[in-house]
Amino acid sequence: LGGSSTLPFMQYEGEIPNRPAIAFEVWDIKPDWHECFEPYYGDVWDDPVAWAKKVEGLGADVIYLEFKGADPELENSRSADDCAKVAKAVLEATTVPLIVQGPGHPDKD
């Protein structure tokens, strides 16, 4: 990763010594995405570990694990301890780097 002097896929403007890394997004809850994604991910939406393993199998270089379920405005918001357990399980089940993102609320991030 890194070392580029331009944006990805714009090699005519500078050097790109390494290929871009592809990150797949995985949520801890079923996403509110368009229904067109359901045939591809619907079988794993309720299980972030299975979802992470699936996208790794699809060729993910990185997994972006987002804890939308920890949003304090949700009725059944995940606790920080539960999020840590999920992140650890995803990390143990996969071999690619993991990016972890909280819900975007300072109290829970």
Protein backbone atom coordinates (compact mmCIF):
# COMPACT_ATOMS: atom_id res chain seq x y z
CA LEU A 1 0.00 0.00 0.00
CA GLY A 2 1.03 3.56 -0.53
CA GLY A 3 3.81 5.16 -2.48
CA SER A 4 1.55 6.67 -5.13
CA SER A 5 1.96 10.19 -6.43
CA THR A 6 -1.56 10.33 -7.89
CA LEU A 7 -5.06 9.00 -7.31
CA PRO A 8 -5.84 5.32 -8.02
CA PHE A 9 -6.24 4.40 -11.70
CA MET A 10 -4.82 7.76 -12.88
CA GLN A 11 -1.35 6.46 -13.77
CA TYR A 12 -1.13 9.03 -16.58
CA GLU A 13 -0.81 11.74 -13.87
CA GLY A 14 1.87 10.11 -11.74
CA GLU A 15 3.32 6.87 -10.42
CA ILE A 16 1.34 4.04 -8.87
CA PRO A 17 3.95 1.50 -7.76
CA ASN A 18 1.44 -0.76 -5.98
CA ARG A 19 -1.99 -1.94 -7.04
CA PRO A 20 -4.95 -0.44 -5.16
CA ALA A 21 -6.19 -2.49 -2.21
CA ILE A 22 -9.84 -3.49 -2.28
CA ALA A 23 -11.73 -3.27 1.02
CA PHE A 24 -15.12 -4.89 1.49
CA GLU A 25 -17.55 -3.34 3.96
CA VAL A 26 -19.07 -5.61 6.62
CA TRP A 27 -21.65 -4.44 9.16
CA ASP A 28 -22.52 -5.97 12.50
CA ILE A 29 -26.23 -5.74 11.66
CA LYS A 30 -28.27 -6.23 8.51
CA PRO A 31 -27.59 -3.16 6.35
CA ASP A 32 -30.27 -0.91 4.91
CA TRP A 33 -28.78 -1.35 1.45
CA HIS A 34 -30.69 -1.67 -1.81
CA GLU A 35 -32.31 -5.06 -2.33
CA CYS A 36 -30.07 -5.76 -5.34
CA PHE A 37 -27.29 -6.80 -2.89
CA GLU A 38 -29.40 -9.43 -1.14
CA PRO A 39 -28.68 -12.27 -3.61
CA TYR A 40 -24.98 -11.81 -2.91
CA TYR A 41 -24.89 -11.09 0.82
CA GLY A 42 -28.36 -11.89 2.17
CA ASP A 43 -27.25 -15.27 3.49
CA VAL A 44 -24.58 -13.69 5.73
CA TRP A 45 -26.04 -10.28 6.69
CA ASP A 46 -27.00 -11.49 10.16
CA ASP A 47 -23.54 -12.90 10.93
CA PRO A 48 -20.57 -10.53 10.62
CA VAL A 49 -18.08 -13.40 10.96
CA ALA A 50 -19.66 -15.35 8.09
CA TRP A 51 -19.93 -12.14 6.07
CA ALA A 52 -16.24 -11.36 6.62
CA LYS A 53 -15.24 -14.89 5.61
CA LYS A 54 -17.39 -14.60 2.49
CA VAL A 55 -15.83 -11.33 1.32
CA GLU A 56 -12.36 -12.67 2.05
CA GLY A 57 -13.23 -15.57 -0.25
CA LEU A 58 -14.31 -13.05 -2.88
CA GLY A 59 -10.82 -11.52 -2.81
CA ALA A 60 -10.98 -8.73 -0.24
CA ASP A 61 -7.56 -7.28 0.56
CA VAL A 62 -8.98 -5.56 3.64
CA ILE A 63 -12.20 -5.90 5.66
CA TYR A 64 -13.89 -2.71 6.87
CA LEU A 65 -15.98 -3.75 9.89
CA GLU A 66 -18.53 -1.11 10.81
CA PHE A 67 -20.45 -1.28 14.08
CA LYS A 68 -23.72 0.31 13.01
CA GLY A 69 -25.47 -1.81 15.64
CA ALA A 70 -23.68 0.10 18.41
CA ASP A 71 -25.52 3.31 17.56
CA PRO A 72 -26.93 4.52 20.91
CA GLU A 73 -30.06 5.72 19.14
CA LEU A 74 -31.02 2.13 18.26
CA GLU A 75 -33.40 0.34 20.59
CA ASN A 76 -31.12 -2.69 21.05
CA SER A 77 -27.75 -0.97 20.74
CA ARG A 78 -24.69 -3.23 21.00
CA SER A 79 -22.44 -2.73 24.00
CA ALA A 80 -18.75 -1.96 23.61
CA ASP A 81 -17.95 -5.40 25.08
CA ASP A 82 -20.16 -7.09 22.49
CA CYS A 83 -18.51 -5.10 19.70
CA ALA A 84 -15.08 -6.17 20.96
CA LYS A 85 -16.17 -9.82 20.92
CA VAL A 86 -17.44 -9.51 17.34
CA ALA A 87 -14.26 -7.76 16.20
CA LYS A 88 -12.11 -10.45 17.83
CA ALA A 89 -14.18 -13.21 16.21
CA VAL A 90 -13.84 -11.59 12.77
CA LEU A 91 -10.11 -11.12 13.29
CA GLU A 92 -9.66 -14.77 14.28
CA ALA A 93 -11.78 -16.06 11.37
CA THR A 94 -10.00 -14.12 8.62
CA THR A 95 -6.44 -13.53 7.45
CA VAL A 96 -6.65 -10.08 5.86
CA PRO A 97 -6.19 -6.73 7.67
CA LEU A 98 -9.20 -5.41 9.55
CA ILE A 99 -10.37 -1.79 9.82
CA VAL A 100 -12.82 -1.25 12.69
CA GLN A 101 -15.25 1.69 12.71
CA GLY A 102 -17.62 2.62 15.52
CA PRO A 103 -21.14 3.97 15.01
CA GLY A 104 -20.02 7.58 14.69
CA HIS A 105 -21.11 8.71 18.16
CA PRO A 106 -18.33 9.97 20.47
CA ASP A 107 -19.84 8.23 23.51
CA LYS A 108 -19.63 4.82 21.82
CA ASP A 109 -16.62 5.22 19.52
